[in-house]
């Protein structure tokens, strides 16, 4: 058996549509959505940190 055959079989097994593949797609979509939410929350946090620093300098 060649390495190429083994890699082809593994790739085909991963791509195979079967039971549970819908769950996998849903989980991937949820992970993607959660990553986007986390990125937005981190950006908002950074903006609020900068604003707090700016206003702290102004007040005192």
N, C-alpha and C. Protein backbone atom coordinates (compact mmCIF):
# COMPACT_ATOMS: atom_id res chain seq x y z
N UNK A 1 0.86 -1.17 0.00
CA UNK A 1 0.00 0.00 0.00
C UNK A 1 0.90 1.23 0.00
N UNK A 2 0.58 2.17 -0.85
CA UNK A 2 1.38 3.38 -0.94
C UNK A 2 0.85 4.44 0.03
N UNK A 3 1.69 5.40 0.32
CA UNK A 3 1.29 6.51 1.19
C UNK A 3 0.14 7.30 0.57
N UNK A 4 0.22 7.47 -0.75
CA UNK A 4 -0.83 8.23 -1.43
C UNK A 4 -2.19 7.58 -1.26
N UNK A 5 -2.23 6.25 -1.35
CA UNK A 5 -3.51 5.54 -1.18
C UNK A 5 -4.06 5.75 0.21
N UNK A 6 -3.20 5.66 1.21
CA UNK A 6 -3.64 5.84 2.58
C UNK A 6 -4.18 7.24 2.81
N UNK A 7 -3.46 8.26 2.34
CA UNK A 7 -3.91 9.64 2.50
C UNK A 7 -5.23 9.88 1.76
N UNK A 8 -5.37 9.26 0.59
CA UNK A 8 -6.62 9.39 -0.17
C UNK A 8 -7.77 8.79 0.61
N UNK A 9 -7.57 7.61 1.19
CA UNK A 9 -8.63 6.97 1.95
C UNK A 9 -9.02 7.79 3.18
N UNK A 10 -8.04 8.34 3.84
CA UNK A 10 -8.32 9.16 5.02
C UNK A 10 -9.11 10.40 4.62
N UNK A 11 -8.68 11.05 3.53
CA UNK A 11 -9.38 12.25 3.07
C UNK A 11 -10.81 11.92 2.66
N UNK A 12 -11.00 10.82 1.97
CA UNK A 12 -12.35 10.42 1.56
C UNK A 12 -13.21 10.09 2.77
N UNK A 13 -12.62 9.48 3.77
CA UNK A 13 -13.39 9.15 4.98
C UNK A 13 -13.82 10.41 5.70
N UNK A 14 -12.98 11.42 5.71
CA UNK A 14 -13.34 12.69 6.36
C UNK A 14 -14.42 13.42 5.59
N UNK A 15 -14.39 13.32 4.27
CA UNK A 15 -15.34 14.03 3.43
C UNK A 15 -16.66 13.28 3.26
N UNK A 16 -16.69 12.02 3.66
CA UNK A 16 -17.86 11.18 3.43
C UNK A 16 -19.09 11.74 4.15
N UNK A 17 -20.18 11.74 3.46
CA UNK A 17 -21.44 12.20 4.04
C UNK A 17 -22.10 10.99 4.66
N UNK A 18 -22.47 11.14 5.91
CA UNK A 18 -23.11 10.03 6.60
C UNK A 18 -23.78 10.52 7.85
N UNK A 19 -24.19 9.59 8.70
CA UNK A 19 -24.84 9.99 9.95
C UNK A 19 -23.93 10.90 10.77
N UNK A 20 -24.51 11.93 11.29
CA UNK A 20 -23.73 12.84 12.13
C UNK A 20 -23.08 13.97 11.37
N UNK A 21 -23.08 13.91 10.04
CA UNK A 21 -22.41 14.97 9.29
C UNK A 21 -23.16 16.29 9.44
N UNK A 22 -24.48 16.22 9.61
CA UNK A 22 -25.24 17.44 9.85
C UNK A 22 -24.87 18.08 11.17
N UNK A 23 -24.64 17.24 12.17
CA UNK A 23 -24.21 17.75 13.47
C UNK A 23 -22.85 18.42 13.36
N UNK A 24 -21.97 17.81 12.59
CA UNK A 24 -20.63 18.37 12.41
C UNK A 24 -20.72 19.74 11.75
N UNK A 25 -21.54 19.86 10.73
CA UNK A 25 -21.70 21.14 10.05
C UNK A 25 -22.29 22.18 10.99
N UNK A 26 -23.25 21.77 11.80
CA UNK A 26 -23.85 22.70 12.77
C UNK A 26 -22.82 23.14 13.79
N UNK A 27 -22.00 22.21 14.26
CA UNK A 27 -20.98 22.56 15.25
C UNK A 27 -19.95 23.51 14.65
N UNK A 28 -19.56 23.25 13.41
CA UNK A 28 -18.60 24.15 12.75
C UNK A 28 -19.19 25.54 12.59
N UNK A 29 -20.46 25.62 12.23
CA UNK A 29 -21.11 26.91 12.08
C UNK A 29 -21.19 27.64 13.41
N UNK A 30 -21.49 26.90 14.48
CA UNK A 30 -21.57 27.52 15.80
C UNK A 30 -20.21 28.01 16.27
N UNK A 31 -19.17 27.22 16.03
CA UNK A 31 -17.82 27.63 16.41
C UNK A 31 -17.44 28.89 15.65
N UNK A 32 -17.77 28.94 14.38
CA UNK A 32 -17.47 30.13 13.57
C UNK A 32 -18.19 31.35 14.12
N UNK A 33 -19.47 31.18 14.45
CA UNK A 33 -20.25 32.29 15.00
C UNK A 33 -19.69 32.75 16.33
N UNK A 34 -19.31 31.80 17.18
CA UNK A 34 -18.76 32.15 18.48
C UNK A 34 -17.42 32.85 18.36
N UNK A 35 -16.60 32.44 17.40
CA UNK A 35 -15.33 33.13 17.18
C UNK A 35 -15.56 34.58 16.75
N UNK A 36 -16.55 34.79 15.89
CA UNK A 36 -16.87 36.15 15.46
C UNK A 36 -17.37 36.99 16.64
N UNK A 37 -18.21 36.39 17.48
CA UNK A 37 -18.71 37.10 18.66
C UNK A 37 -17.58 37.45 19.61
N UNK A 38 -16.65 36.53 19.80
CA UNK A 38 -15.51 36.78 20.68
C UNK A 38 -14.64 37.89 20.13
N UNK A 39 -14.42 37.89 18.82
CA UNK A 39 -13.62 38.95 18.21
C UNK A 39 -14.26 40.31 18.43
N UNK A 40 -15.58 40.39 18.22
CA UNK A 40 -16.30 41.65 18.41
C UNK A 40 -16.23 42.09 19.88
N UNK A 41 -16.42 41.16 20.80
CA UNK A 41 -16.37 41.49 22.23
C UNK A 41 -14.98 41.99 22.63
N UNK A 42 -13.95 41.37 22.10
CA UNK A 42 -12.58 41.81 22.40
C UNK A 42 -12.32 43.22 21.85
N UNK A 43 -12.84 43.49 20.66
CA UNK A 43 -12.67 44.83 20.09
C UNK A 43 -13.41 45.87 20.93
N UNK A 44 -14.62 45.53 21.36
CA UNK A 44 -15.38 46.45 22.22
C UNK A 44 -14.65 46.69 23.54
N UNK A 45 -14.10 45.64 24.12
CA UNK A 45 -13.36 45.78 25.36
C UNK A 45 -12.16 46.70 25.19
N UNK A 46 -11.44 46.52 24.09
CA UNK A 46 -10.26 47.36 23.84
C UNK A 46 -10.65 48.83 23.67
N UNK A 47 -11.76 49.07 22.99
CA UNK A 47 -12.23 50.45 22.81
C UNK A 47 -12.60 51.06 24.16
N UNK A 48 -13.28 50.29 25.00
CA UNK A 48 -13.66 50.80 26.32
C UNK A 48 -12.44 51.05 27.20
N UNK A 49 -11.42 50.21 27.09
CA UNK A 49 -10.18 50.44 27.85
C UNK A 49 -9.54 51.76 27.44
N UNK A 50 -9.48 51.99 26.13
CA UNK A 50 -8.87 53.23 25.64
C UNK A 50 -9.68 54.44 26.07
N UNK A 51 -10.99 54.33 26.03
CA UNK A 51 -11.85 55.44 26.44
C UNK A 51 -11.67 55.72 27.93
N UNK A 52 -11.60 54.67 28.74
CA UNK A 52 -11.42 54.86 30.18
C UNK A 52 -10.09 55.53 30.47
N UNK A 53 -9.06 55.13 29.76
CA UNK A 53 -7.74 55.74 29.95
C UNK A 53 -7.77 57.21 29.54
N UNK A 54 -8.42 57.50 28.43
CA UNK A 54 -8.51 58.87 27.95
C UNK A 54 -9.24 59.77 28.95
N UNK A 55 -10.39 59.31 29.44
CA UNK A 55 -11.17 60.12 30.37
C UNK A 55 -10.50 60.22 31.73
N UNK A 56 -9.74 59.23 32.11
CA UNK A 56 -9.00 59.30 33.38
C UNK A 56 -7.93 60.37 33.30
N UNK A 57 -7.28 60.50 32.15
CA UNK A 57 -6.27 61.53 31.96
C UNK A 57 -6.89 62.92 31.98
N UNK A 58 -8.08 63.06 31.40
CA UNK A 58 -8.76 64.36 31.37
C UNK A 58 -9.18 64.81 32.77
N UNK A 59 -9.61 63.87 33.58
CA UNK A 59 -10.16 64.25 34.88
C UNK A 59 -9.08 64.45 35.95
N UNK A 60 -7.92 64.00 35.67
CA UNK A 60 -7.04 64.22 36.79
C UNK A 60 -5.63 64.04 36.59
